[in-house]
Protein backbone atom coordinates (compact mmCIF):
# COMPACT_ATOMS: atom_id res chain seq x y z
CA MET A 1 167.12 119.28 136.62
CA SER A 2 166.25 115.62 137.03
CA SER A 3 168.73 112.82 136.35
CA ALA A 4 166.81 111.79 133.21
CA GLN A 5 166.91 115.38 131.91
CA GLN A 6 170.63 115.64 132.62
CA ILE A 7 171.31 112.37 130.78
CA ARG A 8 169.26 113.50 127.77
CA LEU A 9 171.01 116.87 127.74
CA ASN A 10 174.42 115.18 127.83
CA GLN A 11 173.37 112.92 124.94
CA LEU A 12 172.35 115.93 122.87
CA LEU A 13 175.60 117.74 123.63
CA LEU A 14 177.59 114.68 122.55
CA GLU A 15 175.59 114.50 119.31
CA ARG A 16 176.27 118.19 118.72
CA GLU A 17 179.99 117.69 119.27
CA ALA A 18 179.96 114.73 116.85
CA GLN A 19 178.37 116.92 114.19
CA PHE A 20 181.02 119.62 114.68
CA VAL A 21 183.71 116.95 114.28
CA ARG A 22 182.00 115.79 111.06
CA VAL A 23 181.99 119.35 109.68
CA TYR A 24 185.69 119.70 110.54
CA ASP A 25 186.47 116.43 108.75
CA LEU A 26 184.59 117.60 105.64
CA GLU A 27 186.45 120.92 105.64
CA GLN A 28 189.78 119.08 105.92
CA ALA A 29 188.79 116.80 102.99
CA ALA A 30 187.97 119.87 100.87
CA ALA A 31 191.33 121.41 101.79
CA ALA A 32 193.10 118.17 100.76
CA ILE A 33 191.39 118.24 97.34
CA LEU A 34 192.37 121.90 96.82
CA GLY A 35 195.87 121.45 98.20
CA GLU A 36 195.42 124.42 100.50
CA PRO A 37 193.02 125.52 103.21
CA TYR A 38 189.72 126.76 101.87
CA PRO A 39 188.39 129.93 103.53
CA PHE A 40 185.19 128.44 104.88
CA ILE A 41 182.82 130.95 106.39
CA LYS A 42 181.04 129.83 109.49
CA PRO A 43 177.33 129.57 108.69
CA PRO A 44 174.89 131.14 111.08
CA LEU A 45 173.89 128.64 113.70
CA PRO A 46 170.59 128.63 115.57
CA SER A 47 172.57 128.66 118.81
CA ASP A 48 174.21 131.93 117.73
CA ALA A 49 170.87 133.66 117.34
CA ARG A 50 169.86 136.01 120.09
CA GLY A 51 166.22 136.48 120.83
CA LYS A 52 165.01 139.88 119.83
CA LYS A 53 164.00 141.88 122.82
CA LYS A 54 160.62 143.43 122.56
CA PRO A 55 160.83 147.11 123.29
CA SER A 56 159.32 147.60 126.66
CA ALA A 57 156.72 150.24 126.97
CA PRO A 58 157.98 153.10 129.07
CA ARG A 59 156.42 152.92 132.47
CA ALA A 60 154.91 156.11 133.60
CA GLY A 61 155.88 156.52 137.17
CA ALA A 62 159.05 156.85 139.12
CA ARG A 63 161.31 157.75 136.22
CA ASP A 64 158.94 160.50 135.11
CA ARG A 65 158.72 161.96 138.61
CA LEU A 66 162.46 161.99 139.27
CA ARG A 67 164.07 165.37 138.83
CA ARG A 68 167.28 167.20 139.58
CA LEU A 69 167.74 168.62 143.06
CA GLU A 70 166.39 172.12 143.45
CA ASP A 71 167.62 175.00 145.60
CA GLY A 72 167.37 174.06 149.26
CA GLU A 73 167.70 170.34 148.53
CA THR A 74 170.96 168.55 149.21
CA ALA A 75 170.36 164.86 148.43
CA TYR A 76 167.96 162.07 147.64
CA ARG A 77 167.06 159.54 150.31
CA VAL A 78 166.39 156.12 148.82
CA THR A 79 164.73 153.32 150.73
CA TYR A 80 164.86 149.93 149.05
CA ARG A 81 164.49 146.24 149.83
CA GLN A 82 167.29 143.91 148.82
CA PHE A 83 167.32 140.22 149.72
CA GLU A 84 164.67 140.69 152.45
CA ARG A 85 166.58 143.59 154.06
CA THR A 86 165.29 147.15 153.97
CA LEU A 87 168.06 149.70 153.48
CA THR A 88 168.16 153.49 153.33
CA GLU A 89 170.88 155.47 151.58
CA GLU A 90 171.47 159.06 150.56
CA HIS A 91 172.59 159.94 147.04
CA ASP A 92 173.20 163.13 145.13
CA ASP A 93 173.40 161.64 141.62
CA LEU A 94 170.15 161.50 139.66
CA ASP A 95 171.62 159.11 137.08
CA ALA A 96 172.49 156.64 139.85
CA LEU A 97 168.85 156.69 140.97
CA ARG A 98 167.65 156.02 137.45
CA THR A 99 170.06 153.10 137.20
CA LEU A 100 168.81 151.75 140.52
CA LEU A 101 165.19 151.98 139.37
CA ALA A 102 166.04 150.19 136.12
CA ALA A 103 167.80 147.39 138.03
CA GLN A 104 164.74 146.44 140.05
CA GLY A 105 163.72 142.81 140.05
CA ALA A 106 162.81 139.99 142.36
CA GLN A 107 165.70 140.69 144.74
CA LEU A 108 165.73 144.50 144.56
CA GLN A 109 162.77 146.83 144.97
CA VAL A 110 162.87 150.57 145.46
CA LEU A 111 160.31 151.50 148.09
CA ARG A 112 160.68 155.27 148.36
CA ILE A 113 162.70 158.17 146.98
CA GLU A 114 162.52 161.58 148.58
CA THR A 115 164.56 164.76 148.52
CA LEU A 116 166.26 166.11 151.64
CA ASP A 117 166.57 169.73 152.67
CA THR A 118 169.75 171.33 154.01
CA GLY A 119 168.94 170.06 157.51
CA GLY A 120 168.59 166.45 156.31
CA SER A 121 164.81 166.38 156.70
CA PRO A 122 162.55 165.01 153.96
CA LYS A 123 161.33 167.76 151.66
CA GLU A 124 159.43 166.05 148.83
CA ALA A 125 158.57 162.43 148.04
CA LEU A 126 159.33 161.71 144.39
CA PHE A 127 158.43 158.02 144.40
CA GLU A 128 156.66 155.63 146.72
CA ARG A 129 155.97 152.00 145.81
CA GLY A 130 152.31 151.23 145.67
CA SER A 131 151.02 154.76 145.40
CA ALA A 132 149.83 156.32 142.16
CA THR A 133 151.21 159.69 143.09
CA PRO A 134 153.98 160.45 145.54
């Protein structure tokens, strides 16, 4: 943020604070007329509004291909890139994999998910970034 933007932002925040003080003063004046506090209800403020999230279309892909481990499979091997480092981990919880896939972003990308057999060798690729089918 530039210095000019920061100054303008600070001016706007001070104006906002002044308006809140004005509202407080008006509420106190109303309470003085009534002789007791009036139960003012806070009006909805634009700053309270949360943007409505558009429902994202379900992406066909990794989530659809993930499945529970079958007989002869002991774990999932996950290869992912996080902060320019490529890491490989083994997991046995399908829900954890789904959470990991949902958490992908600029700093986290799942590259490959495969199942491992009882000997620790890859058995089936369930997901591979950049390929239409595993």
